[in-house]
């Protein structure tokens, strides 16, 4: 039952973020507002609602379902990281990440890996912190969706533990 109430809280928080940040011109810095206009926050809400499928399946998930659950969770975590850097875009742009040619990498177009590394020193201390290692694990297991590249995706119980960790992660982002 606890997972259900935590899930309901997560769904409410995600929906509220979508509603609040959907059109913030005049309230948020214009650069952040422009980034969030294109953020597809409604998809973030829909992906969050989809977690219910995997939570309800629980320990009875098949391997195929677990792969899809991992892809679902990975997309949500990546989306929250992207959201964070779009909201704080004016801070980010003070020390932006650049590619090899000096072009600024925009948070709304960064890869999961870039977002994860960018968060070092901002959301977690270093690449050995528990949060970084959890994000790294989520990314690794999410990428199991690609055929012909075996990855250890853990068990359904491991996935449900990651869902419990997601609740804390979202609270940290918010």
Protein backbone atom coordinates (compact mmCIF):
# COMPACT_ATOMS: atom_id res chain seq x y z
CA UNK A 1 0.00 0.00 0.00
CA UNK A 2 2.89 2.38 0.74
CA UNK A 3 4.13 2.12 -2.83
CA UNK A 4 0.66 3.08 -4.05
CA UNK A 5 0.45 6.21 -1.90
CA UNK A 6 3.98 7.23 -2.86
CA UNK A 7 3.05 6.65 -6.50
CA UNK A 8 -0.07 8.78 -6.13
CA UNK A 9 2.03 11.57 -4.59
CA UNK A 10 4.54 11.30 -7.43
CA UNK A 11 1.77 11.51 -10.01
CA UNK A 12 0.30 14.60 -8.33
CA UNK A 13 3.71 16.29 -8.11
CA UNK A 14 4.47 15.51 -11.75
CA UNK A 15 1.09 16.75 -12.94
CA UNK A 16 1.49 19.92 -10.87
CA UNK A 17 4.93 20.56 -12.37
CA UNK A 18 3.43 20.15 -15.84
CA UNK A 19 0.63 22.60 -15.08
CA UNK A 20 2.78 25.18 -13.31
CA UNK A 21 5.68 25.20 -15.77
CA UNK A 22 3.69 24.77 -18.97
CA UNK A 23 3.41 28.52 -19.62
CA UNK A 24 5.58 30.57 -17.31
CA UNK A 25 6.33 33.53 -19.55
CA UNK A 26 6.45 36.60 -17.36
CA UNK A 27 6.97 34.53 -14.21
CA UNK A 28 10.22 32.72 -14.93
CA UNK A 29 13.27 34.07 -16.74
CA UNK A 30 12.49 34.19 -20.45
CA UNK A 31 15.27 31.73 -21.38
CA UNK A 32 13.88 29.14 -18.96
CA UNK A 33 10.32 29.77 -20.14
CA UNK A 34 11.35 29.15 -23.75
CA UNK A 35 13.08 25.89 -22.82
CA UNK A 36 10.05 24.71 -20.86
CA UNK A 37 7.67 25.57 -23.72
CA UNK A 38 9.24 22.72 -25.67
CA UNK A 39 9.75 20.38 -22.71
CA UNK A 40 6.82 18.00 -23.35
CA UNK A 41 5.98 18.02 -19.66
CA UNK A 42 2.66 16.37 -20.47
CA UNK A 43 4.64 13.36 -21.71
CA UNK A 44 6.54 13.32 -18.43
CA UNK A 45 3.17 13.10 -16.67
CA UNK A 46 2.02 10.29 -18.98
CA UNK A 47 5.26 8.32 -18.51
CA UNK A 48 4.87 8.70 -14.75
CA UNK A 49 1.30 7.39 -14.86
CA UNK A 50 2.57 4.41 -16.86
CA UNK A 51 4.74 3.35 -13.92
CA UNK A 52 1.52 2.06 -12.37
CA UNK A 53 1.56 -0.83 -14.87
CA UNK A 54 4.91 -2.03 -13.52
CA UNK A 55 4.12 -1.33 -9.88
CA UNK A 56 0.89 -3.32 -10.18
CA UNK A 57 2.73 -6.21 -11.91
CA UNK A 58 5.17 -6.18 -9.03
CA UNK A 59 7.30 -9.27 -8.62
CA UNK A 60 5.38 -11.06 -11.39
CA UNK A 61 6.95 -9.03 -14.22
CA UNK A 62 8.32 -11.00 -17.14
CA UNK A 63 11.76 -10.15 -18.50
CA UNK A 64 10.15 -8.27 -21.39
CA UNK A 65 8.01 -6.28 -19.00
CA UNK A 66 11.04 -5.52 -16.85
CA UNK A 67 12.93 -4.23 -19.89
CA UNK A 68 10.01 -1.92 -20.73
CA UNK A 69 9.72 -0.89 -17.08
CA UNK A 70 13.42 0.01 -17.07
CA UNK A 71 13.00 2.07 -20.26
CA UNK A 72 10.01 3.83 -18.67
CA UNK A 73 11.89 4.64 -15.47
CA UNK A 74 15.00 5.77 -17.35
CA UNK A 75 12.99 8.16 -19.51
CA UNK A 76 11.39 9.67 -16.40
CA UNK A 77 14.70 10.16 -14.59
CA UNK A 78 16.30 11.70 -17.68
CA UNK A 79 13.29 14.00 -18.08
CA UNK A 80 13.56 15.22 -14.48
CA UNK A 81 17.26 16.01 -14.96
CA UNK A 82 16.46 17.90 -18.16
CA UNK A 83 13.65 19.76 -16.37
CA UNK A 84 16.00 20.82 -13.57
CA UNK A 85 18.55 22.35 -15.94
CA UNK A 86 15.86 24.06 -18.01
CA UNK A 87 14.33 25.66 -14.91
CA UNK A 88 17.77 26.82 -13.81
CA UNK A 89 18.85 27.68 -17.34
CA UNK A 90 20.08 31.19 -16.49
CA UNK A 91 22.37 29.69 -13.83
CA UNK A 92 23.50 26.93 -16.20
CA UNK A 93 24.36 29.35 -19.00
CA UNK A 94 26.86 31.11 -16.70
CA UNK A 95 29.12 28.02 -16.93
CA UNK A 96 27.68 25.98 -19.80
CA UNK A 97 28.92 22.63 -21.01
CA UNK A 98 30.32 22.81 -24.53
CA UNK A 99 31.06 20.27 -27.21
CA UNK A 100 34.46 19.84 -28.82
CA UNK A 101 33.96 22.85 -31.10
CA UNK A 102 32.99 25.24 -28.30
CA UNK A 103 29.28 25.14 -29.10
CA UNK A 104 27.07 25.29 -25.98
CA UNK A 105 25.22 22.07 -25.18
CA UNK A 106 21.65 23.04 -24.42
CA UNK A 107 20.05 21.07 -21.55
CA UNK A 108 16.93 20.37 -23.58
CA UNK A 109 19.09 18.59 -26.18
CA UNK A 110 21.69 16.89 -23.96
CA UNK A 111 22.07 13.16 -23.72
CA UNK A 112 21.28 11.35 -20.48
CA UNK A 113 25.02 10.89 -20.01
CA UNK A 114 25.73 14.61 -20.42
CA UNK A 115 22.96 15.51 -17.96
CA UNK A 116 24.28 12.99 -15.45
CA UNK A 117 27.84 14.33 -15.68
CA UNK A 118 26.69 17.96 -15.64
CA UNK A 119 24.93 17.28 -12.33
CA UNK A 120 28.22 16.50 -10.58
CA UNK A 121 28.86 19.29 -8.09
CA UNK A 122 25.29 20.54 -8.49
CA UNK A 123 22.92 17.70 -7.58
CA UNK A 124 25.54 15.31 -6.17
CA UNK A 125 29.12 15.71 -5.03
CA UNK A 126 31.00 13.42 -7.40
CA UNK A 127 30.74 10.30 -9.54
CA UNK A 128 31.08 8.10 -6.45
CA UNK A 129 28.10 9.55 -4.57
CA UNK A 130 25.06 7.34 -4.01
CA UNK A 131 22.87 9.58 -6.16
CA UNK A 132 25.29 9.51 -9.09
CA UNK A 133 25.69 5.75 -8.86
CA UNK A 134 21.90 5.32 -8.77
CA UNK A 135 21.45 7.55 -11.84
CA UNK A 136 24.23 5.65 -13.60
CA UNK A 137 22.49 2.35 -12.82
CA UNK A 138 19.15 3.68 -14.07
CA UNK A 139 20.77 4.81 -17.32
CA UNK A 140 22.60 1.52 -17.81
CA UNK A 141 19.46 -0.56 -17.23
CA UNK A 142 17.34 1.74 -19.39
CA UNK A 143 19.67 1.09 -22.29
CA UNK A 144 18.83 -2.64 -22.10
CA UNK A 145 15.99 -1.79 -24.48
CA UNK A 146 18.54 -2.04 -27.31
CA UNK A 147 18.59 -5.53 -28.77
CA UNK A 148 21.79 -7.52 -29.12
CA UNK A 149 23.43 -5.81 -26.18
CA UNK A 150 22.81 -7.86 -23.03
CA UNK A 151 22.70 -5.91 -19.81
CA UNK A 152 21.98 -7.02 -16.30
CA UNK A 153 18.71 -5.24 -15.54
CA UNK A 154 18.23 -6.69 -12.09
CA UNK A 155 15.07 -8.27 -10.80
CA UNK A 156 11.51 -6.95 -10.45
CA UNK A 157 12.29 -6.42 -6.75
CA UNK A 158 15.32 -4.30 -7.72
CA UNK A 159 13.10 -2.29 -10.04
CA UNK A 160 10.56 -1.67 -7.28
CA UNK A 161 13.41 -0.51 -5.02
CA UNK A 162 14.42 1.92 -7.77
CA UNK A 163 10.85 3.21 -7.88
CA UNK A 164 11.10 3.89 -4.14
CA UNK A 165 14.34 5.77 -4.80
CA UNK A 166 12.64 7.74 -7.61
CA UNK A 167 10.29 9.34 -5.09
CA UNK A 168 13.26 10.74 -3.16
CA UNK A 169 15.01 11.81 -6.37
CA UNK A 170 11.98 13.81 -7.56
CA UNK A 171 11.72 15.47 -4.16
CA UNK A 172 15.39 16.46 -4.45
CA UNK A 173 14.82 17.94 -7.92
CA UNK A 174 11.76 19.86 -6.76
